[in-house]
Amino acid sequence: MSAIQHFDVIAVGGGSGLTAAWHALQENCDVALVTDQPEALGGTCVNFGCIPTKTLLQSAELMDSVRHAERFGIHLDQASVQVDFARIMQQMRHARAEAVAGVRRWVETEMTPIFSRVRFIDERTLESADGQRLTADHIFLATGARPVVPEIPGLAEAGYWTNEEVLELEAQPASLVIIGGGYIAAELGYFFAALGTRVTLISRSPRLLTGEDDEISERFTRAFGERVELVTGEPVEARATATQRQVVVATADGGERVLAAEQLLVATGRRANTEGLEAETGGIELDAQGAIRVDEQLRTRNPRVFAYGDVIGRAMFKHTSSYEGGLAWRNARGAGERVDYRSNPHAVFSHPQIGAVGLTERECRARALDYRVTTREYGDVARGRIIGAPDGLARLLVERGSERILGFHMLGPGAAELIHEVVVAMNAGDGSTASVRRSIHVHPTLPELVRAVFDAD
């Protein structure tokens, strides 16, 4: 039996696990970083999510600007505009490789890297694939998530991409069917459509992005339907011919509709990575979806072990896992802080863009809150009119009496950046509307739209 190696901290997960590791290093702890994917250090965000996809979307946004330049008096020969798809993908992969290399240098310099799968053999001990045994004062599990592939007859035989495989493309598909109605489908659908691929998107729901505020979801669906062929219904079968992949969907009259494209992309959500961890042996409970159960301090049933990030199945965003990782570290040191998602923002980098924080109107009703809603359009402020009064809006939800901000939702240019003023306001003092109302905003800018909603409330 191998000798047991003991560390102050073991962080399991080469992406979000780095957050707890970083905090531990600030206190001069002896840290082991465990991952079985050293080639993908940085995790989903660096390798398959935030960084590579937003790099690609920069090209899509530029193409959008070219296509609509004539509205602003700039006349371009559209026929001469060429998309170098291979170069776009090469630039993305180069940026990704540089980021991974930087993370690896840090890990190998500051930590003890253990590039292996591990499993619990008791509540105190992890064992690597080669039999190495590891213990620590505190263990942080942040093993992330992976794409979910739905059980559709014929899907495997037809062949498909997930959001991970699609990043390895060299040639642009002429046509693409996307199964999924969430943010991954919306962002990748926008990317391919903007560059000229004929995109068909299949959603089980009548609306895309159903987790958003209802009005935001409805308006996004209408706008996105002008860019792609949008089909609502349940995909029931997939198959492949010599040159095409096909998806059959049910129609309202009980018939079937065949949707064909050169390639098929599945973007139907993500599932926590806990297989092989032997979590139960480590005194750790999993929920029905395989995610790790944690308490309000992000502690598992094993008091030595904390978990955070996508593996706990809550808000699967990089910025959320960074917040959780810091909180989990402080709680391991005895802080006793409770996780609080009330002002946890998110964004969808599609077109139109979405930025949101707090409760939706649907959630306010479910909680029987006494609230009011105020809405303003981009065309209501000078800068919005200057950029062409694009279809978009901002919605403010306020609790009557306390004037506490309950939620804020934006659809339109810059929404992902504009939302942060409200995030800060929700965290400042009593979280009321006063701080935004009292703040001076530069004129003419889009942040005046945020102010306009609060002034009109």
Protein backbone atom coordinates (compact mmCIF):
# COMPACT_ATOMS: atom_id res chain seq x y z
CA MET A 1 0.00 0.00 0.00
CA SER A 2 1.30 3.46 -0.93
CA ALA A 3 2.27 5.91 1.80
CA ILE A 4 -0.36 8.52 2.55
CA GLN A 5 0.42 12.09 1.46
CA HIS A 6 -1.14 14.76 3.65
CA PHE A 7 -1.87 18.34 2.57
CA ASP A 8 -3.47 21.35 4.20
CA VAL A 9 -5.88 21.53 1.25
CA ILE A 10 -6.86 19.29 -1.63
CA ALA A 11 -8.81 20.94 -4.44
CA VAL A 12 -10.39 18.46 -6.85
CA GLY A 13 -11.16 20.02 -10.22
CA GLY A 14 -8.87 21.82 -12.66
CA GLY A 15 -11.31 24.64 -13.28
CA SER A 16 -13.28 26.00 -10.34
CA GLY A 17 -11.07 24.05 -7.98
CA LEU A 18 -8.46 26.73 -8.65
CA THR A 19 -10.52 29.28 -6.68
CA ALA A 20 -10.24 27.45 -3.35
CA ALA A 21 -6.62 26.66 -4.17
CA TRP A 22 -5.85 30.33 -4.75
CA HIS A 23 -7.38 31.38 -1.43
CA ALA A 24 -5.47 28.63 0.36
CA LEU A 25 -2.20 29.75 -1.20
CA GLN A 26 -2.76 33.29 0.10
CA GLU A 27 -2.49 31.81 3.59
CA ASN A 28 0.63 29.80 2.73
CA CYS A 29 -1.16 26.45 2.78
CA ASP A 30 0.27 23.32 1.22
CA VAL A 31 -2.13 22.69 -1.67
CA ALA A 32 -2.68 19.71 -3.98
CA LEU A 33 -4.62 20.36 -7.18
CA VAL A 34 -6.23 17.19 -8.56
CA THR A 35 -7.54 16.80 -12.11
CA ASP A 36 -7.65 13.99 -14.63
CA GLN A 37 -7.63 16.50 -17.52
CA PRO A 38 -4.33 18.38 -17.33
CA GLU A 39 -4.72 19.35 -20.98
CA ALA A 40 -7.86 21.27 -20.03
CA LEU A 41 -6.66 23.15 -16.96
CA GLY A 42 -8.89 26.16 -16.40
CA GLY A 43 -12.00 24.01 -16.73
CA THR A 44 -15.09 24.57 -18.82
CA CYS A 45 -14.79 28.36 -18.82
CA VAL A 46 -11.33 28.44 -20.35
CA ASN A 47 -11.66 25.42 -22.63
CA PHE A 48 -15.29 25.11 -23.76
CA GLY A 49 -17.31 27.99 -22.35
CA CYS A 50 -16.84 31.65 -21.53
CA ILE A 51 -13.48 32.39 -23.13
CA PRO A 52 -13.58 30.47 -26.43
CA THR A 53 -17.26 31.11 -27.17
CA LYS A 54 -17.09 34.83 -26.45
CA THR A 55 -13.98 35.02 -28.62
CA LEU A 56 -16.02 33.52 -31.45
CA LEU A 57 -18.95 35.82 -30.78
CA GLN A 58 -16.69 38.83 -31.26
CA SER A 59 -16.46 37.84 -34.93
CA ALA A 60 -20.24 37.41 -35.09
CA GLU A 61 -20.82 40.88 -33.65
CA LEU A 62 -18.41 42.39 -36.16
CA MET A 63 -20.22 40.68 -39.02
CA ASP A 64 -23.51 42.05 -37.68
CA SER A 65 -22.06 45.55 -37.74
CA VAL A 66 -20.93 45.09 -41.34
CA ARG A 67 -24.36 43.87 -42.43
CA HIS A 68 -26.16 46.82 -40.86
CA ALA A 69 -23.62 49.52 -41.67
CA GLU A 70 -25.87 51.02 -44.34
CA ARG A 71 -28.31 52.22 -41.67
CA PHE A 72 -25.58 54.60 -40.54
CA GLY A 73 -24.56 55.83 -43.99
CA ILE A 74 -21.73 53.35 -44.56
CA HIS A 75 -22.16 51.50 -47.86
CA LEU A 76 -20.26 48.25 -48.21
CA ASP A 77 -20.18 45.72 -51.01
CA GLN A 78 -21.64 42.79 -49.08
CA ALA A 79 -20.56 40.36 -51.80
CA SER A 80 -16.92 41.18 -51.11
CA VAL A 81 -17.14 40.47 -47.38
CA GLN A 82 -15.47 37.12 -46.80
CA VAL A 83 -15.58 34.91 -43.70
CA ASP A 84 -12.32 33.11 -42.96
CA PHE A 85 -13.84 30.52 -40.67
CA ALA A 86 -10.65 28.51 -40.21
CA ARG A 87 -8.80 31.63 -39.05
CA ILE A 88 -11.58 32.55 -36.61
CA MET A 89 -11.35 29.10 -35.07
CA GLN A 90 -7.55 29.16 -35.07
CA GLN A 91 -7.47 32.48 -33.21
CA MET A 92 -9.88 31.12 -30.63
CA ARG A 93 -7.84 27.97 -30.08
CA HIS A 94 -4.62 29.98 -29.82
CA ALA A 95 -6.10 32.19 -27.11
CA ARG A 96 -7.39 29.10 -25.31
CA ALA A 97 -4.04 27.33 -25.48
CA GLU A 98 -2.24 30.36 -24.06
CA ALA A 99 -4.69 30.53 -21.16
CA VAL A 100 -4.31 26.81 -20.38
CA ALA A 101 -0.52 27.08 -20.51
CA GLY A 102 -0.59 29.98 -18.07
CA VAL A 103 -2.76 28.05 -15.63
CA ARG A 104 -0.50 25.01 -15.88
CA ARG A 105 2.63 27.05 -15.10
CA TRP A 106 0.91 28.44 -12.01
CA VAL A 107 -0.30 25.04 -10.82
CA GLU A 108 3.07 23.38 -11.29
CA THR A 109 4.91 26.26 -9.62
CA GLU A 110 2.67 26.94 -6.63
CA MET A 111 0.92 23.62 -5.93
CA THR A 112 1.39 19.88 -5.99
CA PRO A 113 -0.36 18.77 -9.19
CA ILE A 114 -1.91 15.31 -9.22
CA PHE A 115 -3.04 14.55 -12.75
CA SER A 116 -5.31 11.58 -12.12
CA ARG A 117 -8.85 10.55 -11.34
CA VAL A 118 -9.46 10.12 -7.63
CA ARG A 119 -12.07 8.39 -5.51
CA PHE A 120 -12.95 8.33 -1.85
CA ILE A 121 -11.94 5.14 -0.04
CA ASP A 122 -13.18 6.50 3.30
CA GLU A 123 -14.36 9.84 4.71
CA ARG A 124 -10.78 11.12 5.10
CA THR A 125 -8.89 9.60 2.19
CA LEU A 126 -8.77 9.98 -1.58
CA GLU A 127 -7.03 7.45 -3.80
CA SER A 128 -5.63 8.19 -7.27
CA ALA A 129 -5.80 5.83 -10.22
CA ASP A 130 -2.25 4.59 -9.53
CA GLY A 131 -3.01 3.86 -5.87
CA GLN A 132 -1.59 7.03 -4.34
CA ARG A 133 -3.48 7.94 -1.14
CA LEU A 134 -4.17 11.54 -0.17
CA THR A 135 -5.58 13.23 2.92
CA ALA A 136 -6.08 16.87 3.85
CA ASP A 137 -7.41 19.10 6.58
CA HIS A 138 -9.96 20.34 4.05
CA ILE A 139 -11.08 18.95 0.69
CA PHE A 140 -12.86 21.09 -1.91
CA LEU A 141 -14.79 19.35 -4.68
CA ALA A 142 -15.30 21.39 -7.84
CA THR A 143 -15.35 18.77 -10.58
CA GLY A 144 -17.69 20.73 -12.84
CA ALA A 145 -20.24 19.43 -15.31
CA ARG A 146 -20.49 17.97 -18.80
CA PRO A 147 -22.97 18.25 -21.68
CA VAL A 148 -26.24 16.35 -21.35
CA VAL A 149 -27.26 14.36 -24.42
CA PRO A 150 -30.99 13.60 -24.59
CA GLU A 151 -32.30 10.14 -25.35
CA ILE A 152 -33.50 10.65 -28.92
CA PRO A 153 -33.92 7.57 -31.11
CA GLY A 154 -31.30 7.51 -33.84
CA LEU A 155 -29.24 10.38 -32.43
CA ALA A 156 -26.07 8.39 -31.86
CA GLU A 157 -26.30 6.78 -35.29
CA ALA A 158 -26.85 10.12 -37.01
CA GLY A 159 -23.85 11.69 -35.28
CA TYR A 160 -23.82 15.03 -33.51
CA TRP A 161 -21.69 17.67 -31.86
CA THR A 162 -21.94 19.08 -28.36
CA ASN A 163 -20.74 22.55 -27.43
CA GLU A 164 -17.32 20.99 -26.76
CA GLU A 165 -16.73 19.21 -30.08
CA VAL A 166 -17.99 22.16 -32.10
CA LEU A 167 -14.97 24.20 -30.99
CA GLU A 168 -12.68 21.86 -32.93
CA LEU A 169 -14.22 22.62 -36.33
CA GLU A 170 -12.01 23.69 -39.22
CA ALA A 171 -14.69 24.23 -41.86
CA GLN A 172 -17.95 26.14 -41.53
CA PRO A 173 -21.07 24.04 -42.07
CA ALA A 174 -23.47 25.34 -44.70
CA SER A 175 -26.45 24.29 -42.56
CA LEU A 176 -26.92 23.30 -38.93
CA VAL A 177 -29.74 21.94 -36.79
CA ILE A 178 -29.46 22.80 -33.09
CA ILE A 179 -31.46 20.90 -30.48
CA GLY A 180 -31.90 23.07 -27.39
CA GLY A 181 -33.51 26.28 -26.22
CA GLY A 182 -31.11 27.53 -23.55
CA TYR A 183 -28.22 29.98 -23.54
CA ILE A 184 -25.70 27.60 -25.15
CA ALA A 185 -28.03 27.02 -28.09
CA ALA A 186 -28.76 30.75 -28.34
CA GLU A 187 -25.12 31.79 -28.33
CA LEU A 188 -23.84 29.16 -30.76
CA GLY A 189 -26.90 29.62 -32.97
CA TYR A 190 -26.12 33.33 -33.17
CA PHE A 191 -22.47 32.69 -33.99
CA PHE A 192 -23.13 30.36 -36.89
CA ALA A 193 -26.09 32.33 -38.26
CA ALA A 194 -24.17 35.62 -38.18
CA LEU A 195 -21.38 34.07 -40.24
CA GLY A 196 -23.81 32.75 -42.85
CA THR A 197 -24.69 29.19 -41.80
CA ARG A 198 -28.36 28.33 -42.28
CA VAL A 199 -29.45 27.52 -38.72
CA THR A 200 -32.56 25.69 -37.56
CA LEU A 201 -33.13 25.66 -33.80
CA ILE A 202 -35.50 23.18 -32.16
CA SER A 203 -36.91 24.02 -28.72
CA ARG A 204 -39.22 21.91 -26.59
CA SER A 205 -40.81 25.07 -25.21
CA PRO A 206 -42.72 27.66 -27.26
CA ARG A 207 -40.16 30.18 -25.94
CA LEU A 208 -36.38 30.17 -25.75
CA LEU A 209 -34.52 30.92 -22.51
CA THR A 210 -37.49 30.06 -20.32
CA GLY A 211 -35.53 30.74 -17.15
CA GLU A 212 -35.50 34.44 -17.97
CA ASP A 213 -38.22 36.92 -17.07
CA ASP A 214 -41.22 36.07 -19.26
CA GLU A 215 -41.25 39.32 -21.26
CA ILE A 216 -37.51 39.08 -21.88
CA SER A 217 -37.89 35.47 -23.02
CA GLU A 218 -40.81 36.30 -25.32
CA ARG A 219 -39.10 39.25 -26.96
CA PHE A 220 -35.83 37.38 -27.34
CA THR A 221 -37.65 34.49 -29.02
CA ARG A 222 -39.32 36.83 -31.50
CA ALA A 223 -36.05 38.60 -32.32
CA PHE A 224 -34.03 35.39 -32.57
CA GLY A 225 -36.65 33.88 -34.85
CA GLU A 226 -35.74 36.54 -37.41
CA ARG A 227 -32.17 35.19 -37.51
CA VAL A 228 -32.75 31.44 -37.51
CA GLU A 229 -35.51 29.04 -38.43
CA LEU A 230 -37.16 28.41 -35.08
CA VAL A 231 -39.15 25.23 -34.50
CA THR A 232 -40.98 24.43 -31.28
CA GLY A 233 -41.90 20.86 -30.48
CA GLU A 234 -40.43 17.61 -29.21
CA PRO A 235 -37.71 16.00 -31.35
CA VAL A 236 -38.64 12.35 -31.67
CA GLU A 237 -36.14 10.88 -34.11
CA ALA A 238 -32.76 11.60 -35.70
CA ARG A 239 -31.18 9.93 -38.70
CA ALA A 240 -28.41 10.45 -41.23
CA THR A 241 -28.23 10.22 -45.03
CA ALA A 242 -25.07 10.32 -47.10
CA THR A 243 -24.87 14.11 -46.97
CA GLN A 244 -27.32 15.26 -44.30
CA ARG A 245 -28.52 14.69 -40.77
CA GLN A 246 -32.25 14.81 -40.13
CA VAL A 247 -34.43 15.46 -37.12
CA VAL A 248 -38.11 14.59 -37.09
CA VAL A 249 -40.39 16.71 -34.91
CA ALA A 250 -44.04 16.34 -34.07
CA THR A 251 -46.41 18.93 -35.57
CA ALA A 252 -49.52 20.48 -34.04
CA ASP A 253 -51.85 18.40 -36.23
CA GLY A 254 -50.28 15.13 -35.12
CA GLY A 255 -48.06 14.76 -38.15
CA GLU A 256 -44.31 14.96 -38.56
CA ARG A 257 -41.89 17.47 -39.98
CA VAL A 258 -38.43 16.56 -41.23
CA LEU A 259 -35.63 19.08 -40.63
CA ALA A 260 -32.39 18.41 -42.49
CA ALA A 261 -28.94 19.96 -42.26
CA GLU A 262 -25.31 19.21 -42.91
CA GLN A 263 -24.56 18.94 -39.18
CA LEU A 264 -26.41 18.46 -35.89
CA LEU A 265 -25.57 20.20 -32.61
CA VAL A 266 -27.00 19.13 -29.24
CA ALA A 267 -27.14 21.89 -26.61
CA THR A 268 -29.58 20.67 -23.98
CA GLY A 269 -27.91 21.50 -20.69
CA ARG A 270 -25.21 20.12 -18.41
CA ARG A 271 -24.89 17.46 -15.70
CA ALA A 272 -22.62 17.37 -12.63
CA ASN A 273 -19.42 15.31 -12.85
CA THR A 274 -19.53 12.92 -9.90
CA GLU A 275 -19.13 9.54 -11.57
CA GLY A 276 -16.24 7.53 -10.19
CA LEU A 277 -15.77 9.81 -7.20
CA GLU A 278 -17.36 7.27 -4.83
CA ALA A 279 -18.93 10.22 -3.03
CA GLU A 280 -21.08 8.07 -0.75
CA THR A 281 -17.97 6.33 0.54
CA GLY A 282 -16.67 9.75 1.47
CA GLY A 283 -19.81 10.55 3.44
CA ILE A 284 -21.13 12.83 0.70
CA GLU A 285 -24.74 12.81 -0.47
CA LEU A 286 -25.84 13.21 -4.09
CA ASP A 287 -29.22 14.42 -5.34
CA ALA A 288 -31.37 12.66 -7.93
CA GLN A 289 -29.47 14.34 -10.78
CA GLY A 290 -26.10 13.28 -9.41
CA ALA A 291 -25.11 16.71 -8.08
CA ILE A 292 -23.47 17.03 -4.65
CA ARG A 293 -25.76 18.16 -1.85
CA VAL A 294 -24.37 20.97 0.29
CA ASP A 295 -25.75 23.09 3.11
CA GLU A 296 -26.01 26.89 3.19
CA GLN A 297 -22.29 27.10 3.92
CA LEU A 298 -21.43 24.83 0.96
CA ARG A 299 -20.37 22.03 3.30
CA THR A 300 -21.23 18.43 2.45
CA ARG A 301 -22.38 15.89 5.05
CA ASN A 302 -18.69 15.23 5.60
CA PRO A 303 -17.52 18.23 7.69
CA ARG A 304 -14.06 18.14 6.09
CA VAL A 305 -15.43 18.41 2.57
CA PHE A 306 -16.91 21.43 0.77
CA ALA A 307 -18.30 21.50 -2.77
CA TYR A 308 -19.11 24.35 -5.12
CA GLY A 309 -19.44 25.29 -8.77
CA ASP A 310 -21.29 23.31 -11.42
CA VAL A 311 -20.94 20.06 -9.45
CA ILE A 312 -23.57 21.25 -6.93
CA GLY A 313 -26.04 21.88 -9.77
CA ARG A 314 -27.07 25.42 -8.87
CA ALA A 315 -26.22 28.49 -10.94
CA MET A 316 -23.72 27.08 -13.45
CA PHE A 317 -21.71 30.23 -14.18
CA LYS A 318 -17.99 30.87 -13.74
CA HIS A 319 -18.54 34.05 -11.75
CA THR A 320 -20.90 32.16 -9.43
CA SER A 321 -18.37 29.41 -8.81
CA SER A 322 -15.72 32.03 -8.05
CA TYR A 323 -18.02 33.56 -5.43
CA GLU A 324 -18.85 30.12 -4.02
CA GLY A 325 -15.21 29.06 -3.90
CA GLY A 326 -14.23 32.09 -1.85
CA LEU A 327 -17.16 31.58 0.50
CA ALA A 328 -16.38 27.87 0.90
CA TRP A 329 -12.77 28.67 1.78
CA ARG A 330 -13.79 31.23 4.39
CA ASN A 331 -16.24 28.78 5.89
CA ALA A 332 -13.55 26.11 6.07
CA ARG A 333 -11.69 28.64 8.20
CA GLY A 334 -14.73 29.09 10.44
CA ALA A 335 -16.46 32.16 8.97
CA GLY A 336 -19.95 30.66 9.07
CA GLU A 337 -21.18 32.61 6.01
CA ARG A 338 -24.33 31.58 4.17
CA VAL A 339 -24.40 31.46 0.40
CA ASP A 340 -26.62 34.20 -1.04
CA TYR A 341 -27.66 34.27 -4.68
CA ARG A 342 -30.05 37.23 -4.46
CA SER A 343 -27.74 39.52 -6.42
CA ASN A 344 -26.07 36.86 -8.58
CA PRO A 345 -26.19 38.18 -12.16
CA HIS A 346 -25.97 36.35 -15.44
CA ALA A 347 -25.85 37.17 -19.13
CA VAL A 348 -26.61 35.62 -22.50
CA PHE A 349 -24.17 36.80 -25.17
CA SER A 350 -26.45 36.26 -28.11
CA HIS A 351 -28.29 38.81 -30.23
CA PRO A 352 -30.09 40.48 -28.68
CA GLN A 353 -27.95 40.30 -25.55
CA ILE A 354 -29.42 39.65 -22.11
CA GLY A 355 -28.27 40.77 -18.67
CA ALA A 356 -30.26 39.92 -15.54
CA VAL A 357 -30.04 39.89 -11.76
CA GLY A 358 -32.47 38.95 -9.02
CA LEU A 359 -36.01 37.64 -9.23
CA THR A 360 -38.16 37.38 -12.33
CA GLU A 361 -41.76 38.57 -12.21
CA ARG A 362 -42.84 34.93 -12.26
CA GLU A 363 -40.78 34.28 -9.12
CA CYS A 364 -42.18 37.37 -7.41
CA ARG A 365 -45.71 36.09 -7.98
CA ALA A 366 -44.79 32.63 -6.73
CA ARG A 367 -43.49 34.17 -3.50
CA ALA A 368 -46.62 36.32 -3.12
CA LEU A 369 -44.50 39.49 -2.99
CA ASP A 370 -46.09 42.91 -3.25
CA TYR A 371 -44.14 44.43 -6.12
CA ARG A 372 -44.34 46.79 -9.07
CA VAL A 373 -42.71 46.70 -12.50
CA THR A 374 -41.28 49.57 -14.51
CA THR A 375 -40.11 49.22 -18.11
CA ARG A 376 -38.21 51.46 -20.50
CA GLU A 377 -37.07 50.92 -24.10
CA TYR A 378 -33.67 51.72 -25.62
CA GLY A 379 -35.30 54.38 -27.75
CA ASP A 380 -36.33 56.24 -24.57
CA VAL A 381 -32.79 57.59 -24.04
CA ALA A 382 -30.56 59.66 -26.31
CA ARG A 383 -27.78 57.12 -26.74
CA GLY A 384 -30.32 54.45 -27.58
CA ARG A 385 -31.67 56.62 -30.39
CA ILE A 386 -28.15 57.40 -31.60
CA ILE A 387 -27.38 53.70 -32.08
CA GLY A 388 -30.63 53.19 -33.95
CA ALA A 389 -33.18 52.58 -31.17
CA PRO A 390 -32.68 48.81 -31.29
CA ASP A 391 -35.41 46.49 -30.13
CA GLY A 392 -34.69 46.11 -26.43
CA LEU A 393 -35.79 47.07 -22.98
CA ALA A 394 -34.99 47.21 -19.28
CA ARG A 395 -37.38 45.95 -16.58
CA LEU A 396 -37.16 46.86 -12.90
CA LEU A 397 -38.98 44.94 -10.16
CA VAL A 398 -39.28 46.74 -6.80
CA GLU A 399 -40.86 45.63 -3.52
CA ARG A 400 -43.56 48.07 -2.46
CA GLY A 401 -42.97 49.74 0.86
CA SER A 402 -39.32 48.81 1.37
CA GLU A 403 -38.29 50.03 -2.12
CA ARG A 404 -35.92 47.07 -2.22
CA ILE A 405 -34.74 46.06 -5.69
CA LEU A 406 -36.08 42.58 -6.38
CA GLY A 407 -34.83 42.11 -9.92
CA PHE A 408 -33.58 43.87 -13.02
CA HIS A 409 -33.69 42.43 -16.55
CA MET A 410 -32.31 43.84 -19.79
CA LEU A 411 -32.54 42.83 -23.43
CA GLY A 412 -30.43 44.70 -25.94
CA PRO A 413 -26.95 46.04 -26.76
CA GLY A 414 -24.50 45.99 -23.86
CA ALA A 415 -26.96 44.37 -21.46
CA ALA A 416 -24.26 42.13 -19.95
CA GLU A 417 -22.22 45.19 -18.95
CA LEU A 418 -25.08 47.53 -18.05
CA ILE A 419 -26.50 45.14 -15.44
CA HIS A 420 -23.61 45.64 -13.02
CA GLU A 421 -24.77 49.02 -11.76
CA VAL A 422 -27.87 47.31 -10.41
CA VAL A 423 -25.84 44.43 -8.96
CA VAL A 424 -23.83 46.95 -6.94
CA ALA A 425 -26.99 48.79 -5.88
CA MET A 426 -28.56 45.55 -4.64
CA ASN A 427 -25.49 44.90 -2.48
CA ALA A 428 -25.16 48.46 -1.18
CA GLY A 429 -26.80 49.45 2.09
CA ASP A 430 -30.44 48.38 2.16
CA GLY A 431 -30.45 47.41 -1.53
CA SER A 432 -33.06 50.05 -2.34
CA THR A 433 -33.55 52.06 -5.52
CA ALA A 434 -32.14 55.25 -3.96
CA SER A 435 -28.47 54.71 -4.88
CA VAL A 436 -29.20 54.50 -8.62
CA ARG A 437 -31.61 57.45 -8.58
CA ARG A 438 -29.07 59.66 -6.81
CA SER A 439 -26.17 58.79 -9.10
CA ILE A 440 -25.13 61.11 -11.92
CA HIS A 441 -24.86 59.35 -15.29
CA VAL A 442 -22.79 60.59 -18.24
CA HIS A 443 -24.89 61.91 -21.13
CA PRO A 444 -25.41 60.49 -23.69
CA THR A 445 -24.65 56.91 -22.67
CA LEU A 446 -26.55 53.64 -22.45
CA PRO A 447 -26.31 53.57 -18.64
CA GLU A 448 -28.86 56.38 -18.78
CA LEU A 449 -31.36 53.68 -19.71
CA VAL A 450 -30.76 52.08 -16.32
CA ARG A 451 -31.28 55.45 -14.64
CA ALA A 452 -34.40 56.11 -16.75
CA VAL A 453 -36.09 52.96 -15.46
CA PHE A 454 -35.38 53.91 -11.85
CA ASP A 455 -36.51 57.51 -12.42
CA ALA A 456 -39.77 56.32 -13.95
CA ASP A 457 -40.46 53.89 -11.10
